[in-house]
Amino acid sequence: MRERRYYVYILSSNSRVLYVGMTGFLMSRVLRHQAGEGGAFTRKYRVHRLVYFESFQNVENAISRETEIKKWRRGKKVELIRRENPTWEDLAAGWGELVPMKVGEAGSSPVLQTGSE
């Protein structure tokens, strides 16, 4: 059985409005924000670029960390992002895009290849 993970994440708009959230399914949650299906705040300010996240095994630890970060002043949140992601790169760039797949053979076993391998 696969281990369950929980994520605390920070999203940013192009103008660097910040949003802190927590989820058990980071990719699907970020894709929902990008599709405009997040909360009213993220829709209003177009906050959909993933600029930071942390992973946890325990949901209580994730909730505690989300609460902690949400209480911080903006400057401390910005410093956390800059320390881990100095260029504010969208860490979710390319998520949800179609990936071309090719089926090839290596020896006698079929091999599934993605991208430009």
C-alpha atoms as a PDB file:
ATOM      1  CA  MET A   1       0.000   0.000   0.000  1.00  0.00           C
ATOM      2  CA  ARG A   2       1.228   3.458  -0.872  1.00  0.00           C
ATOM      3  CA  GLU A   3       2.043   5.843   1.963  1.00  0.00           C
ATOM      4  CA  ARG A   4      -0.367   8.779   2.339  1.00  0.00           C
ATOM      5  CA  ARG A   5       1.145  12.274   2.024  1.00  0.00           C
ATOM      6  CA  TYR A   6      -0.184  15.718   2.946  1.00  0.00           C
ATOM      7  CA  TYR A   7       1.069  19.007   1.562  1.00  0.00           C
ATOM      8  CA  VAL A   8       1.272  22.587   2.745  1.00  0.00           C
ATOM      9  CA  TYR A   9       1.663  24.852  -0.251  1.00  0.00           C
ATOM     10  CA  ILE A  10       2.008  28.493  -1.193  1.00  0.00           C
ATOM     11  CA  LEU A  11       0.533  29.847  -4.399  1.00  0.00           C
ATOM     12  CA  SER A  12       1.371  33.223  -5.898  1.00  0.00           C
ATOM     13  CA  SER A  13      -0.174  35.457  -8.514  1.00  0.00           C
ATOM     14  CA  ASN A  14       1.986  37.132 -11.153  1.00  0.00           C
ATOM     15  CA  SER A  15       1.961  40.224  -8.930  1.00  0.00           C
ATOM     16  CA  ARG A  16       2.985  38.028  -5.961  1.00  0.00           C
ATOM     17  CA  VAL A  17      -0.243  37.956  -3.974  1.00  0.00           C
ATOM     18  CA  LEU A  18       0.174  34.890  -1.727  1.00  0.00           C
ATOM     19  CA  TYR A  19      -2.146  32.086  -0.649  1.00  0.00           C
ATOM     20  CA  VAL A  20      -1.297  29.297   1.826  1.00  0.00           C
ATOM     21  CA  GLY A  21      -3.203  26.008   1.718  1.00  0.00           C
ATOM     22  CA  MET A  22      -3.083  22.342   2.734  1.00  0.00           C
ATOM     23  CA  THR A  23      -4.189  19.271   0.792  1.00  0.00           C
ATOM     24  CA  GLY A  24      -3.752  15.537   0.488  1.00  0.00           C
ATOM     25  CA  PHE A  25      -3.631  15.729  -3.316  1.00  0.00           C
ATOM     26  CA  LEU A  26      -1.244  18.496  -4.352  1.00  0.00           C
ATOM     27  CA  MET A  27      -1.370  18.063  -8.125  1.00  0.00           C
ATOM     28  CA  SER A  28      -5.163  17.944  -8.386  1.00  0.00           C
ATOM     29  CA  ARG A  29      -5.547  20.859  -5.950  1.00  0.00           C
ATOM     30  CA  VAL A  30      -3.105  23.073  -7.878  1.00  0.00           C
ATOM     31  CA  LEU A  31      -4.776  22.150 -11.180  1.00  0.00           C
ATOM     32  CA  ARG A  32      -8.137  23.156  -9.690  1.00  0.00           C
ATOM     33  CA  HIS A  33      -6.688  26.533  -8.669  1.00  0.00           C
ATOM     34  CA  GLN A  34      -5.258  26.965 -12.181  1.00  0.00           C
ATOM     35  CA  ALA A  35      -8.673  26.180 -13.683  1.00  0.00           C
ATOM     36  CA  GLY A  36     -10.277  28.893 -11.527  1.00  0.00           C
ATOM     37  CA  GLU A  37     -11.973  26.352  -9.265  1.00  0.00           C
ATOM     38  CA  GLY A  38     -10.210  27.421  -6.067  1.00  0.00           C
ATOM     39  CA  GLY A  39     -11.758  29.667  -3.472  1.00  0.00           C
ATOM     40  CA  ALA A  40     -13.034  33.188  -4.085  1.00  0.00           C
ATOM     41  CA  PHE A  41      -9.724  34.759  -3.002  1.00  0.00           C
ATOM     42  CA  THR A  42      -7.574  32.764  -5.423  1.00  0.00           C
ATOM     43  CA  ARG A  43     -10.043  33.378  -8.262  1.00  0.00           C
ATOM     44  CA  LYS A  44     -10.278  37.108  -7.580  1.00  0.00           C
ATOM     45  CA  TYR A  45      -6.515  37.666  -7.435  1.00  0.00           C
ATOM     46  CA  ARG A  46      -5.577  34.940  -9.974  1.00  0.00           C
ATOM     47  CA  VAL A  47      -3.373  33.149  -7.478  1.00  0.00           C
ATOM     48  CA  HIS A  48      -2.433  29.900  -9.201  1.00  0.00           C
ATOM     49  CA  ARG A  49       1.369  29.592  -9.449  1.00  0.00           C
ATOM     50  CA  LEU A  50       2.834  26.979  -7.072  1.00  0.00           C
ATOM     51  CA  VAL A  51       5.952  28.592  -5.600  1.00  0.00           C
ATOM     52  CA  TYR A  52       6.501  26.488  -2.457  1.00  0.00           C
ATOM     53  CA  PHE A  53       5.368  23.259  -0.825  1.00  0.00           C
ATOM     54  CA  GLU A  54       6.231  20.905   2.025  1.00  0.00           C
ATOM     55  CA  SER A  55       5.265  17.239   2.379  1.00  0.00           C
ATOM     56  CA  PHE A  56       4.079  15.479   5.556  1.00  0.00           C
ATOM     57  CA  GLN A  57       3.158  11.924   6.526  1.00  0.00           C
ATOM     58  CA  ASN A  58       0.855  13.045   9.320  1.00  0.00           C
ATOM     59  CA  VAL A  59      -2.219  15.200   8.633  1.00  0.00           C
ATOM     60  CA  GLU A  60      -2.034  16.872  12.057  1.00  0.00           C
ATOM     61  CA  ASN A  61       1.530  18.032  11.343  1.00  0.00           C
ATOM     62  CA  ALA A  62       0.446  19.447   7.986  1.00  0.00           C
ATOM     63  CA  ILE A  63      -2.489  21.312   9.526  1.00  0.00           C
ATOM     64  CA  SER A  64      -0.229  22.674  12.260  1.00  0.00           C
ATOM     65  CA  ARG A  65       2.355  23.886   9.715  1.00  0.00           C
ATOM     66  CA  GLU A  66      -0.320  25.500   7.523  1.00  0.00           C
ATOM     67  CA  THR A  67      -1.693  27.335  10.562  1.00  0.00           C
ATOM     68  CA  GLU A  68       1.818  28.445  11.551  1.00  0.00           C
ATOM     69  CA  ILE A  69       2.659  29.829   8.089  1.00  0.00           C
ATOM     70  CA  LYS A  70      -0.723  31.558   7.733  1.00  0.00           C
ATOM     71  CA  LYS A  71       0.014  33.514  10.942  1.00  0.00           C
ATOM     72  CA  TRP A  72       3.327  34.809   9.604  1.00  0.00           C
ATOM     73  CA  ARG A  73       3.760  38.287   8.216  1.00  0.00           C
ATOM     74  CA  ARG A  74       4.195  38.521   4.472  1.00  0.00           C
ATOM     75  CA  GLY A  75       7.955  39.147   4.746  1.00  0.00           C
ATOM     76  CA  LYS A  76       8.558  35.850   6.509  1.00  0.00           C
ATOM     77  CA  LYS A  77       6.518  33.965   3.876  1.00  0.00           C
ATOM     78  CA  VAL A  78       8.484  35.675   1.100  1.00  0.00           C
ATOM     79  CA  GLU A  79      11.763  34.696   2.776  1.00  0.00           C
ATOM     80  CA  LEU A  80      10.627  31.055   2.981  1.00  0.00           C
ATOM     81  CA  ILE A  81       9.838  31.064  -0.741  1.00  0.00           C
ATOM     82  CA  ARG A  82      13.092  32.824  -1.671  1.00  0.00           C
ATOM     83  CA  ARG A  83      15.158  30.357   0.359  1.00  0.00           C
ATOM     84  CA  GLU A  84      13.695  27.343  -1.467  1.00  0.00           C
ATOM     85  CA  ASN A  85      12.689  28.895  -4.815  1.00  0.00           C
ATOM     86  CA  PRO A  86      14.694  32.113  -5.345  1.00  0.00           C
ATOM     87  CA  THR A  87      13.321  32.798  -8.842  1.00  0.00           C
ATOM     88  CA  TRP A  88       9.687  32.164  -7.832  1.00  0.00           C
ATOM     89  CA  GLU A  89       9.498  29.538 -10.575  1.00  0.00           C
ATOM     90  CA  ASP A  90       6.078  27.903 -11.000  1.00  0.00           C
ATOM     91  CA  LEU A  91       6.820  24.463  -9.555  1.00  0.00           C
ATOM     92  CA  ALA A  92       3.687  23.086 -11.208  1.00  0.00           C
ATOM     93  CA  ALA A  93       4.539  24.287 -14.733  1.00  0.00           C
ATOM     94  CA  GLY A  94       3.531  21.602 -17.173  1.00  0.00           C
ATOM     95  CA  TRP A  95       1.270  19.731 -14.751  1.00  0.00           C
ATOM     96  CA  GLY A  96      -1.905  18.562 -16.461  1.00  0.00           C
ATOM     97  CA  GLU A  97      -0.469  18.801 -19.969  1.00  0.00           C
ATOM     98  CA  LEU A  98      -0.792  15.858 -22.315  1.00  0.00           C
ATOM     99  CA  VAL A  99       2.372  13.801 -22.613  1.00  0.00           C
ATOM    100  CA  PRO A 100       2.985  12.026 -25.928  1.00  0.00           C
ATOM    101  CA  MET A 101       3.477   8.304 -25.410  1.00  0.00           C
ATOM    102  CA  LYS A 102       5.145   5.753 -27.664  1.00  0.00           C
ATOM    103  CA  VAL A 103       5.156   1.986 -27.334  1.00  0.00           C
ATOM    104  CA  GLY A 104       8.424   0.367 -28.324  1.00  0.00           C
ATOM    105  CA  GLU A 105      10.168  -2.937 -27.744  1.00  0.00           C
ATOM    106  CA  ALA A 106      13.381  -3.532 -25.857  1.00  0.00           C
ATOM    107  CA  GLY A 107      14.390  -7.153 -26.320  1.00  0.00           C
ATOM    108  CA  SER A 108      11.236  -9.226 -26.006  1.00  0.00           C
ATOM    109  CA  SER A 109       9.464  -7.108 -23.352  1.00  0.00           C
ATOM    110  CA  PRO A 110       7.195  -4.238 -24.412  1.00  0.00           C
ATOM    111  CA  VAL A 111       8.390  -0.880 -23.083  1.00  0.00           C
ATOM    112  CA  LEU A 112       6.245   2.219 -22.588  1.00  0.00           C
ATOM    113  CA  GLN A 113       8.092   5.460 -23.264  1.00  0.00           C
ATOM    114  CA  THR A 114       6.974   9.009 -22.538  1.00  0.00           C
ATOM    115  CA  GLY A 115       8.251  12.283 -23.917  1.00  0.00           C
ATOM    116  CA  SER A 116      11.277  12.350 -26.163  1.00  0.00           C
ATOM    117  CA  GLU A 117      13.141   9.332 -24.796  1.00  0.00           C
END
